[in-house]
Structure formats: C-alpha cells, structure tokens
Amino acid sequence: MKVLLVLFASAFFINVNAQKMKEYKIEIAVKASKEKAWEVITDFENYPSWNSVLKMESNNNLIMGNKFKVTITQPNGKSSNFKAKAVSKNDFKSFSATQVVMLNCFFKATHSFIIEEVDKQNVVFIQKWELKGIIASLFRKKIFKELEIFKKMNRELKELVEQ
C-alpha cells in the first residue's frame, strides 16, 4: 500500500511539474520582404532543394487540423519521423504545428514559424517551440540541444531568400 501511495504521489508531482511549458526560440535577421520569406517557408514541396534539416509532406496548403509527415535530419544523417497537425496560420506572419506523444501530459510540442517585419525589405525569422509534458520536463536540456540544428535551417533560409 505504501509503495502504491509513493508511486501515485511521484506520478502526480511529475505530472504537475510537467505541465509547465518550456520554451526554446531561435531567430535570424533576413534581408527579404515578409512575402518572400512566407513564400519560401510555406513551400514545403521545395524544402528538399534548400533545407537540409526539415521536410514536411502532405500539407502544402496549411489546412488547419490536417496531419502531415515531418522528417528531421541530424548532421550525422540520422532522421526522425513523426506526424504533426497544423494548428494555426496567419498569412505572411506565422504558422504552427503540434506533435503529441500519447497524451498531452506525456509530451506535447508546438513548433511555430514566425515572420516579424522590420521594414518592407527586412524581416526577422523566428522558430519557437513550446514544450509540455513529462518528457519535456525530464529531458529539456537534451531536447533543446537537439533543436540547435534548426539554426542551420535558418541560415539556409537566409542564404536562399537573400540571393
């Protein structure tokens, strides 16, 4: 009985703490209009031609609620595949997708692509992740380290749109 009580209390404590959101954000200044940046980051079909990190398939129109396939490729060539769901879209400004593993309390990640217009020919491109759940709490540092690879994607985007 004591063992069950300890396990229940531990699970409750971890779950309560896991619900606190963890946020990770990277950004890059890009010499391009918001329209040009939007055109490139929402053209998922052409990601393989410029983006060595991320591939998104089966949601070229960013239809809210649609699930689509995501592949993340690490520098060592290893790939991770999962399904995500489009959850928000604000033309020329942002879009977001969410991945849930089992239940929200276990792991939920929302990845947002944000374009902030500085002036007509300059933007800041931001990628932001909001992580929740037990996995996010226990492995936050490791997850954040893995997300560093997206800095490469940002540089590749900058190189492409500034040509």
N, C-alpha and C. Protein backbone atom coordinates (compact mmCIF):
# COMPACT_ATOMS: atom_id res chain seq x y z
N MET A 1 0.82 -1.19 0.00
CA MET A 1 0.00 0.00 0.00
C MET A 1 0.87 1.26 0.00
N LYS A 2 1.93 1.26 0.83
CA LYS A 2 2.83 2.42 0.87
C LYS A 2 3.50 2.64 -0.48
N VAL A 3 3.87 1.54 -1.14
CA VAL A 3 4.52 1.64 -2.44
C VAL A 3 3.58 2.30 -3.45
N LEU A 4 2.32 1.89 -3.45
CA LEU A 4 1.34 2.48 -4.36
C LEU A 4 1.15 3.96 -4.09
N LEU A 5 1.11 4.32 -2.82
CA LEU A 5 0.94 5.71 -2.44
C LEU A 5 2.13 6.54 -2.90
N VAL A 6 3.34 6.03 -2.71
CA VAL A 6 4.55 6.73 -3.15
C VAL A 6 4.56 6.87 -4.67
N LEU A 7 4.21 5.80 -5.39
CA LEU A 7 4.16 5.87 -6.86
C LEU A 7 3.13 6.88 -7.33
N PHE A 8 1.95 6.89 -6.71
CA PHE A 8 0.91 7.83 -7.09
C PHE A 8 1.37 9.27 -6.83
N ALA A 9 1.94 9.51 -5.66
CA ALA A 9 2.41 10.85 -5.31
C ALA A 9 3.51 11.30 -6.26
N SER A 10 4.43 10.40 -6.60
CA SER A 10 5.52 10.74 -7.54
C SER A 10 4.97 11.07 -8.91
N ALA A 11 4.04 10.26 -9.39
CA ALA A 11 3.44 10.50 -10.71
C ALA A 11 2.70 11.83 -10.72
N PHE A 12 1.99 12.13 -9.64
CA PHE A 12 1.26 13.39 -9.55
C PHE A 12 2.23 14.57 -9.56
N PHE A 13 3.31 14.48 -8.78
CA PHE A 13 4.31 15.56 -8.71
C PHE A 13 4.94 15.78 -10.08
N ILE A 14 5.34 14.70 -10.74
CA ILE A 14 5.96 14.82 -12.06
C ILE A 14 4.96 15.42 -13.04
N ASN A 15 3.71 14.96 -13.01
CA ASN A 15 2.71 15.46 -13.95
C ASN A 15 2.43 16.94 -13.73
N VAL A 16 2.31 17.37 -12.48
CA VAL A 16 2.06 18.78 -12.18
C VAL A 16 3.22 19.63 -12.69
N ASN A 17 4.45 19.20 -12.42
CA ASN A 17 5.62 19.96 -12.89
C ASN A 17 5.76 19.89 -14.40
N ALA A 18 5.35 18.78 -14.99
CA ALA A 18 5.48 18.60 -16.44
C ALA A 18 4.57 19.55 -17.21
N GLN A 19 3.50 20.01 -16.58
CA GLN A 19 2.57 20.88 -17.29
C GLN A 19 3.12 22.29 -17.48
N LYS A 20 4.19 22.63 -16.79
CA LYS A 20 4.81 23.93 -17.00
C LYS A 20 5.48 23.93 -18.37
N MET A 21 5.18 24.93 -19.15
CA MET A 21 5.68 24.98 -20.51
C MET A 21 7.16 25.37 -20.53
N LYS A 22 7.89 24.70 -21.39
CA LYS A 22 9.29 25.02 -21.64
C LYS A 22 9.33 25.65 -23.03
N GLU A 23 10.06 26.75 -23.18
CA GLU A 23 10.10 27.42 -24.48
C GLU A 23 11.54 27.53 -24.97
N TYR A 24 11.70 27.31 -26.26
CA TYR A 24 13.00 27.44 -26.92
C TYR A 24 12.78 28.25 -28.18
N LYS A 25 13.65 29.22 -28.44
CA LYS A 25 13.44 30.10 -29.58
C LYS A 25 14.78 30.43 -30.24
N ILE A 26 14.78 30.44 -31.58
CA ILE A 26 15.94 30.89 -32.34
C ILE A 26 15.44 31.86 -33.40
N GLU A 27 16.30 32.78 -33.79
CA GLU A 27 15.88 33.76 -34.79
C GLU A 27 17.07 34.20 -35.62
N ILE A 28 16.73 34.78 -36.79
CA ILE A 28 17.76 35.27 -37.69
C ILE A 28 17.19 36.46 -38.47
N ALA A 29 18.01 37.49 -38.66
CA ALA A 29 17.63 38.64 -39.48
C ALA A 29 17.82 38.26 -40.94
N VAL A 30 16.82 38.59 -41.76
CA VAL A 30 16.85 38.23 -43.18
C VAL A 30 16.50 39.46 -44.01
N LYS A 31 17.32 39.70 -45.04
CA LYS A 31 17.05 40.81 -45.96
C LYS A 31 16.10 40.33 -47.04
N ALA A 32 14.81 40.39 -46.72
CA ALA A 32 13.76 39.97 -47.66
C ALA A 32 12.43 40.51 -47.16
N SER A 33 11.50 40.61 -48.08
CA SER A 33 10.15 41.03 -47.69
C SER A 33 9.46 39.89 -46.94
N LYS A 34 8.43 40.23 -46.19
CA LYS A 34 7.67 39.20 -45.49
C LYS A 34 7.01 38.25 -46.49
N GLU A 35 6.63 38.77 -47.66
CA GLU A 35 6.01 37.94 -48.68
C GLU A 35 6.99 36.90 -49.22
N LYS A 36 8.22 37.33 -49.48
CA LYS A 36 9.24 36.41 -50.00
C LYS A 36 9.56 35.33 -48.95
N ALA A 37 9.76 35.74 -47.71
CA ALA A 37 10.05 34.77 -46.64
C ALA A 37 8.89 33.79 -46.48
N TRP A 38 7.66 34.29 -46.51
CA TRP A 38 6.48 33.44 -46.37
C TRP A 38 6.39 32.43 -47.51
N GLU A 39 6.64 32.92 -48.73
CA GLU A 39 6.58 32.05 -49.91
C GLU A 39 7.52 30.86 -49.76
N VAL A 40 8.71 31.10 -49.25
CA VAL A 40 9.70 30.03 -49.11
C VAL A 40 9.36 29.10 -47.95
N ILE A 41 9.02 29.64 -46.78
CA ILE A 41 8.80 28.75 -45.63
C ILE A 41 7.50 27.96 -45.71
N THR A 42 6.58 28.37 -46.58
CA THR A 42 5.33 27.61 -46.73
C THR A 42 5.32 26.74 -47.98
N ASP A 43 6.40 26.74 -48.74
CA ASP A 43 6.51 25.90 -49.93
C ASP A 43 7.19 24.59 -49.54
N PHE A 44 6.45 23.74 -48.83
CA PHE A 44 7.02 22.51 -48.27
C PHE A 44 7.56 21.57 -49.35
N GLU A 45 6.94 21.58 -50.51
CA GLU A 45 7.39 20.71 -51.60
C GLU A 45 8.84 20.98 -51.99
N ASN A 46 9.26 22.24 -51.88
CA ASN A 46 10.63 22.60 -52.28
C ASN A 46 11.63 22.62 -51.12
N TYR A 47 11.21 22.25 -49.92
CA TYR A 47 12.15 22.19 -48.81
C TYR A 47 13.41 21.38 -49.14
N PRO A 48 13.29 20.21 -49.78
CA PRO A 48 14.50 19.42 -50.04
C PRO A 48 15.54 20.15 -50.89
N SER A 49 15.13 21.14 -51.68
CA SER A 49 16.09 21.84 -52.54
C SER A 49 16.96 22.84 -51.78
N TRP A 50 16.55 23.25 -50.58
CA TRP A 50 17.35 24.23 -49.84
C TRP A 50 17.52 23.91 -48.36
N ASN A 51 16.68 23.06 -47.82
CA ASN A 51 16.62 22.82 -46.38
C ASN A 51 17.15 21.42 -46.05
N SER A 52 18.31 21.35 -45.45
CA SER A 52 18.91 20.04 -45.13
C SER A 52 18.43 19.48 -43.80
N VAL A 53 17.63 20.23 -43.07
CA VAL A 53 17.22 19.85 -41.72
C VAL A 53 15.80 19.29 -41.66
N LEU A 54 14.87 19.96 -42.30
CA LEU A 54 13.45 19.68 -42.10
C LEU A 54 12.74 19.41 -43.42
N LYS A 55 11.88 18.40 -43.38
CA LYS A 55 10.99 18.12 -44.52
C LYS A 55 9.58 17.96 -43.96
N MET A 56 8.62 18.56 -44.65
CA MET A 56 7.21 18.43 -44.27
C MET A 56 6.44 18.03 -45.52
N GLU A 57 5.65 16.97 -45.40
CA GLU A 57 4.93 16.44 -46.56
C GLU A 57 3.43 16.35 -46.28
N SER A 58 2.66 16.53 -47.32
CA SER A 58 1.21 16.32 -47.30
C SER A 58 0.41 17.41 -46.62
N ASN A 59 0.89 18.65 -46.64
CA ASN A 59 0.08 19.76 -46.14
C ASN A 59 0.51 21.06 -46.79
N ASN A 60 0.64 21.05 -48.10
CA ASN A 60 1.11 22.25 -48.80
C ASN A 60 0.20 23.45 -48.65
N ASN A 61 -1.06 23.26 -48.35
CA ASN A 61 -1.97 24.39 -48.21
C ASN A 61 -2.17 24.81 -46.76
N LEU A 62 -1.43 24.21 -45.85
CA LEU A 62 -1.55 24.52 -44.42
C LEU A 62 -3.01 24.51 -43.95
N ILE A 63 -3.68 23.43 -44.23
CA ILE A 63 -5.07 23.29 -43.83
C ILE A 63 -5.13 22.95 -42.34
N MET A 64 -5.80 23.80 -41.57
CA MET A 64 -5.85 23.62 -40.13
C MET A 64 -6.50 22.29 -39.77
N GLY A 65 -5.86 21.60 -38.84
CA GLY A 65 -6.35 20.30 -38.40
C GLY A 65 -5.78 19.13 -39.18
N ASN A 66 -5.21 19.40 -40.35
CA ASN A 66 -4.62 18.31 -41.15
C ASN A 66 -3.34 17.81 -40.50
N LYS A 67 -3.18 16.49 -40.53
CA LYS A 67 -1.93 15.89 -40.07
C LYS A 67 -1.02 15.73 -41.27
N PHE A 68 0.27 15.86 -41.01
CA PHE A 68 1.25 15.72 -42.07
C PHE A 68 2.53 15.11 -41.53
N LYS A 69 3.35 14.60 -42.43
CA LYS A 69 4.58 13.91 -42.05
C LYS A 69 5.72 14.92 -41.93
N VAL A 70 6.50 14.77 -40.86
CA VAL A 70 7.66 15.62 -40.62
C VAL A 70 8.89 14.73 -40.50
N THR A 71 9.98 15.13 -41.15
CA THR A 71 11.26 14.43 -41.03
C THR A 71 12.31 15.46 -40.64
N ILE A 72 13.04 15.16 -39.57
CA ILE A 72 14.16 16.00 -39.13
C ILE A 72 15.42 15.19 -39.33
N THR A 73 16.39 15.77 -40.04
CA THR A 73 17.64 15.07 -40.33
C THR A 73 18.77 15.73 -39.55
N GLN A 74 19.46 14.92 -38.75
CA GLN A 74 20.60 15.38 -37.95
C GLN A 74 21.86 15.45 -38.83
N PRO A 75 22.89 16.16 -38.39
CA PRO A 75 24.14 16.26 -39.17
C PRO A 75 24.77 14.91 -39.47
N ASN A 76 24.56 13.92 -38.60
CA ASN A 76 25.13 12.59 -38.83
C ASN A 76 24.30 11.76 -39.81
N GLY A 77 23.23 12.35 -40.37
CA GLY A 77 22.41 11.66 -41.35
C GLY A 77 21.22 10.91 -40.78
N LYS A 78 21.17 10.76 -39.45
CA LYS A 78 20.03 10.08 -38.83
C LYS A 78 18.79 10.95 -38.95
N SER A 79 17.67 10.29 -39.22
CA SER A 79 16.41 11.01 -39.36
C SER A 79 15.40 10.58 -38.32
N SER A 80 14.57 11.53 -37.92
CA SER A 80 13.43 11.26 -37.04
C SER A 80 12.17 11.60 -37.81
N ASN A 81 11.21 10.69 -37.79
CA ASN A 81 9.94 10.91 -38.48
C ASN A 81 8.80 10.92 -37.48
N PHE A 82 7.84 11.80 -37.70
CA PHE A 82 6.65 11.83 -36.87
C PHE A 82 5.54 12.57 -37.59
N LYS A 83 4.36 12.50 -37.03
CA LYS A 83 3.20 13.21 -37.57
C LYS A 83 2.97 14.47 -36.74
N ALA A 84 2.60 15.53 -37.42
CA ALA A 84 2.24 16.79 -36.76
C ALA A 84 0.89 17.23 -37.30
N LYS A 85 0.28 18.17 -36.59
CA LYS A 85 -1.02 18.68 -37.01
C LYS A 85 -0.94 20.20 -37.09
N ALA A 86 -1.37 20.76 -38.22
CA ALA A 86 -1.40 22.22 -38.39
C ALA A 86 -2.44 22.80 -37.43
N VAL A 87 -2.03 23.78 -36.62
CA VAL A 87 -2.94 24.33 -35.61
C VAL A 87 -3.21 25.82 -35.75
N SER A 88 -2.35 26.55 -36.48
CA SER A 88 -2.63 27.97 -36.68
C SER A 88 -1.93 28.47 -37.93
N LYS A 89 -2.51 29.51 -38.51
CA LYS A 89 -1.93 30.12 -39.72
C LYS A 89 -2.39 31.57 -39.78
N ASN A 90 -1.43 32.47 -39.92
CA ASN A 90 -1.71 33.89 -40.08
C ASN A 90 -0.84 34.34 -41.26
N ASP A 91 -1.43 34.41 -42.45
CA ASP A 91 -0.68 34.66 -43.68
C ASP A 91 0.36 35.77 -43.54
N PHE A 92 1.55 35.47 -44.03
CA PHE A 92 2.70 36.38 -44.05
C PHE A 92 3.24 36.71 -42.66
N LYS A 93 2.72 36.03 -41.62
CA LYS A 93 3.18 36.29 -40.26
C LYS A 93 3.61 35.03 -39.53
N SER A 94 2.77 33.98 -39.53
CA SER A 94 3.13 32.80 -38.73
C SER A 94 2.27 31.59 -39.09
N PHE A 95 2.81 30.43 -38.74
CA PHE A 95 2.03 29.20 -38.72
C PHE A 95 2.63 28.29 -37.67
N SER A 96 1.80 27.40 -37.14
CA SER A 96 2.23 26.49 -36.08
C SER A 96 1.70 25.10 -36.32
N ALA A 97 2.46 24.13 -35.83
CA ALA A 97 2.06 22.73 -35.88
C ALA A 97 2.36 22.10 -34.53
N THR A 98 1.56 21.11 -34.18
CA THR A 98 1.70 20.44 -32.88
C THR A 98 1.93 18.95 -33.07
N GLN A 99 2.80 18.43 -32.21
CA GLN A 99 3.02 16.99 -32.12
C GLN A 99 2.68 16.57 -30.71
N VAL A 100 1.87 15.52 -30.58
CA VAL A 100 1.52 14.99 -29.27
C VAL A 100 1.94 13.53 -29.23
N VAL A 101 2.65 13.14 -28.16
CA VAL A 101 3.02 11.74 -27.96
C VAL A 101 2.14 11.22 -26.83
N MET A 102 1.33 10.26 -27.16
CA MET A 102 0.34 9.66 -26.26
C MET A 102 -0.63 10.74 -25.79
N LEU A 103 -0.48 11.25 -24.61
CA LEU A 103 -1.36 12.28 -24.08
C LEU A 103 -0.56 13.57 -23.90
N ASN A 104 -1.26 14.69 -23.81
CA ASN A 104 -0.58 15.97 -23.59
C ASN A 104 0.33 15.94 -22.38
N CYS A 105 -0.06 15.19 -21.34
CA CYS A 105 0.75 15.16 -20.12
C CYS A 105 2.08 14.43 -20.34
N PHE A 106 2.15 13.59 -21.37
CA PHE A 106 3.38 12.85 -21.65
C PHE A 106 4.34 13.72 -22.46
N PHE A 107 3.88 14.24 -23.61
CA PHE A 107 4.71 15.15 -24.41
C PHE A 107 3.86 15.85 -25.45
N LYS A 108 3.97 17.16 -25.47
CA LYS A 108 3.32 17.98 -26.50
C LYS A 108 4.30 19.06 -26.91
N ALA A 109 4.52 19.17 -28.21
CA ALA A 109 5.42 20.20 -28.75
C ALA A 109 4.67 21.00 -29.80
N THR A 110 4.70 22.31 -29.66
CA THR A 110 4.15 23.20 -30.68
C THR A 110 5.31 23.97 -31.29
N HIS A 111 5.48 23.82 -32.60
CA HIS A 111 6.56 24.46 -33.35
C HIS A 111 5.95 25.58 -34.17
N SER A 112 6.40 26.80 -33.92
CA SER A 112 5.88 27.96 -34.64
C SER A 112 6.95 28.57 -35.53
N PHE A 113 6.54 28.97 -36.71
CA PHE A 113 7.38 29.69 -37.65
C PHE A 113 6.81 31.11 -37.69
N ILE A 114 7.62 32.09 -37.35
CA ILE A 114 7.13 33.46 -37.20
C ILE A 114 7.97 34.40 -38.06
N ILE A 115 7.30 35.29 -38.78
CA ILE A 115 7.98 36.31 -39.57
C ILE A 115 7.61 37.66 -38.97
N GLU A 116 8.60 38.37 -38.45
CA GLU A 116 8.37 39.72 -37.93
C GLU A 116 8.95 40.72 -38.92
N GLU A 117 8.10 41.56 -39.44
CA GLU A 117 8.54 42.56 -40.41
C GLU A 117 9.24 43.71 -39.70
N VAL A 118 10.47 43.99 -40.13
CA VAL A 118 11.23 45.12 -39.61
C VAL A 118 10.90 46.35 -40.46
N ASP A 119 10.99 46.18 -41.77
CA ASP A 119 10.55 47.16 -42.76
C ASP A 119 10.21 46.38 -44.03
N LYS A 120 9.92 47.05 -45.12
CA LYS A 120 9.44 46.37 -46.34
C LYS A 120 10.43 45.37 -46.92
N GLN A 121 11.72 45.50 -46.61
CA GLN A 121 12.73 44.60 -47.18
C GLN A 121 13.53 43.83 -46.14
N ASN A 122 13.09 43.84 -44.89
CA ASN A 122 13.81 43.14 -43.83
C ASN A 122 12.82 42.51 -42.85
N VAL A 123 13.13 41.26 -42.50
CA VAL A 123 12.31 40.55 -41.52
C VAL A 123 13.22 39.85 -40.52
N VAL A 124 12.63 39.44 -39.43
CA VAL A 124 13.28 38.52 -38.51
C VAL A 124 12.48 37.23 -38.60
N PHE A 125 13.18 36.14 -38.91
CA PHE A 125 12.54 34.83 -38.97
C PHE A 125 12.80 34.13 -37.65
N ILE A 126 11.74 33.70 -37.00
CA ILE A 126 11.81 33.09 -35.67
C ILE A 126 11.20 31.69 -35.73
N GLN A 127 11.91 30.75 -35.12
CA GLN A 127 11.32 29.44 -34.87
C GLN A 127 11.21 29.30 -33.36
N LYS A 128 10.03 28.92 -32.91
CA LYS A 128 9.78 28.82 -31.47
C LYS A 128 9.11 27.49 -31.19
N TRP A 129 9.56 26.85 -30.12
CA TRP A 129 8.96 25.60 -29.66
C TRP A 129 8.43 25.81 -28.26
N GLU A 130 7.21 25.36 -28.03
CA GLU A 130 6.62 25.33 -26.70
C GLU A 130 6.44 23.86 -26.36
N LEU A 131 7.12 23.43 -25.31
CA LEU A 131 7.13 22.02 -24.93
C LEU A 131 6.43 21.83 -23.59
N LYS A 132 5.60 20.80 -23.52
CA LYS A 132 4.91 20.46 -22.28
C LYS A 132 4.97 18.96 -22.08
N GLY A 133 4.80 18.54 -20.85
CA GLY A 133 4.71 17.12 -20.54
C GLY A 133 5.90 16.59 -19.79
N ILE A 134 5.77 15.35 -19.37
CA ILE A 134 6.80 14.70 -18.55
C ILE A 134 8.12 14.62 -19.30
N ILE A 135 8.08 14.23 -20.57
CA ILE A 135 9.32 14.11 -21.36
C ILE A 135 10.02 15.46 -21.44
N ALA A 136 9.25 16.53 -21.70
CA ALA A 136 9.84 17.87 -21.80
C ALA A 136 10.51 18.27 -20.49
N SER A 137 9.89 17.91 -19.38
CA SER A 137 10.47 18.25 -18.07
C SER A 137 11.74 17.47 -17.79
N LEU A 138 11.70 16.18 -18.07
CA LEU A 138 12.85 15.33 -17.74
C LEU A 138 14.03 15.50 -18.70
N PHE A 139 13.75 15.81 -19.96
CA PHE A 139 14.82 15.84 -20.97
C PHE A 139 14.96 17.21 -21.64
N ARG A 140 14.58 18.26 -20.95
CA ARG A 140 14.59 19.61 -21.51
C ARG A 140 15.94 19.98 -22.12
N LYS A 141 17.02 19.79 -21.38
CA LYS A 141 18.35 20.18 -21.88
C LYS A 141 18.72 19.40 -23.14
N LYS A 142 18.44 18.12 -23.16
CA LYS A 142 18.75 17.29 -24.33
C LYS A 142 17.90 17.72 -25.53
N ILE A 143 16.63 17.96 -25.29
CA ILE A 143 15.74 18.39 -26.38
C ILE A 143 16.21 19.73 -26.93
N PHE A 144 16.52 20.68 -26.05
CA PHE A 144 16.97 22.00 -26.51
C PHE A 144 18.27 21.88 -27.30
N LYS A 145 19.16 20.99 -26.87
CA LYS A 145 20.40 20.78 -27.62
C LYS A 145 20.11 20.24 -29.02
N GLU A 146 19.17 19.31 -29.11
CA GLU A 146 18.78 18.75 -30.42
C GLU A 146 18.18 19.83 -31.32
N LEU A 147 17.45 20.77 -30.75
CA LEU A 147 16.81 21.82 -31.55
C LEU A 147 17.82 22.82 -32.12
N GLU A 148 19.04 22.81 -31.62
CA GLU A 148 20.09 23.70 -32.14
C GLU A 148 20.27 23.52 -33.65
N ILE A 149 19.99 22.33 -34.17
CA ILE A 149 20.17 22.07 -35.60
C ILE A 149 19.33 23.02 -36.45
N PHE A 150 18.24 23.53 -35.90
CA PHE A 150 17.38 24.42 -36.67
C PHE A 150 18.05 25.77 -36.95
N LYS A 151 19.13 26.08 -36.25
CA LYS A 151 19.90 27.28 -36.60
C LYS A 151 20.46 27.14 -38.02
N LYS A 152 20.81 25.91 -38.38
CA LYS A 152 21.30 25.64 -39.73
C LYS A 152 20.18 25.92 -40.75
N MET A 153 18.98 25.48 -40.44
CA MET A 153 17.85 25.75 -41.34
C MET A 153 17.66 27.25 -41.51
N ASN A 154 17.75 28.00 -40.42
CA ASN A 154 17.60 29.45 -40.50
C ASN A 154 18.66 30.06 -41.42
N ARG A 155 19.90 29.59 -41.29
CA ARG A 155 20.98 30.10 -42.16
C ARG A 155 20.71 29.75 -43.62
N GLU A 156 20.22 28.54 -43.86
CA GLU A 156 19.91 28.12 -45.23
C GLU A 156 18.77 28.96 -45.82
N LEU A 157 17.77 29.27 -45.01
CA LEU A 157 16.68 30.13 -45.46
C LEU A 157 17.22 31.51 -45.82
N LYS A 158 18.03 32.07 -44.95
CA LYS A 158 18.62 33.40 -45.18
C LYS A 158 19.40 33.41 -46.50
N GLU A 159 20.23 32.41 -46.70
CA GLU A 159 21.04 32.33 -47.91
C GLU A 159 20.15 32.28 -49.16
N LEU A 160 19.09 31.51 -49.10
CA LEU A 160 18.20 31.37 -50.26
C LEU A 160 17.46 32.66 -50.58
N VAL A 161 16.83 33.26 -49.60
CA VAL A 161 15.98 34.43 -49.89
C VAL A 161 16.78 35.70 -50.14
N GLU A 162 18.04 35.73 -49.71
CA GLU A 162 18.86 36.93 -49.94
C GLU A 162 19.60 36.88 -51.28
N GLN A 163 19.44 35.81 -52.05
CA GLN A 163 20.11 35.70 -53.35
C GLN A 163 19.59 36.74 -54.31
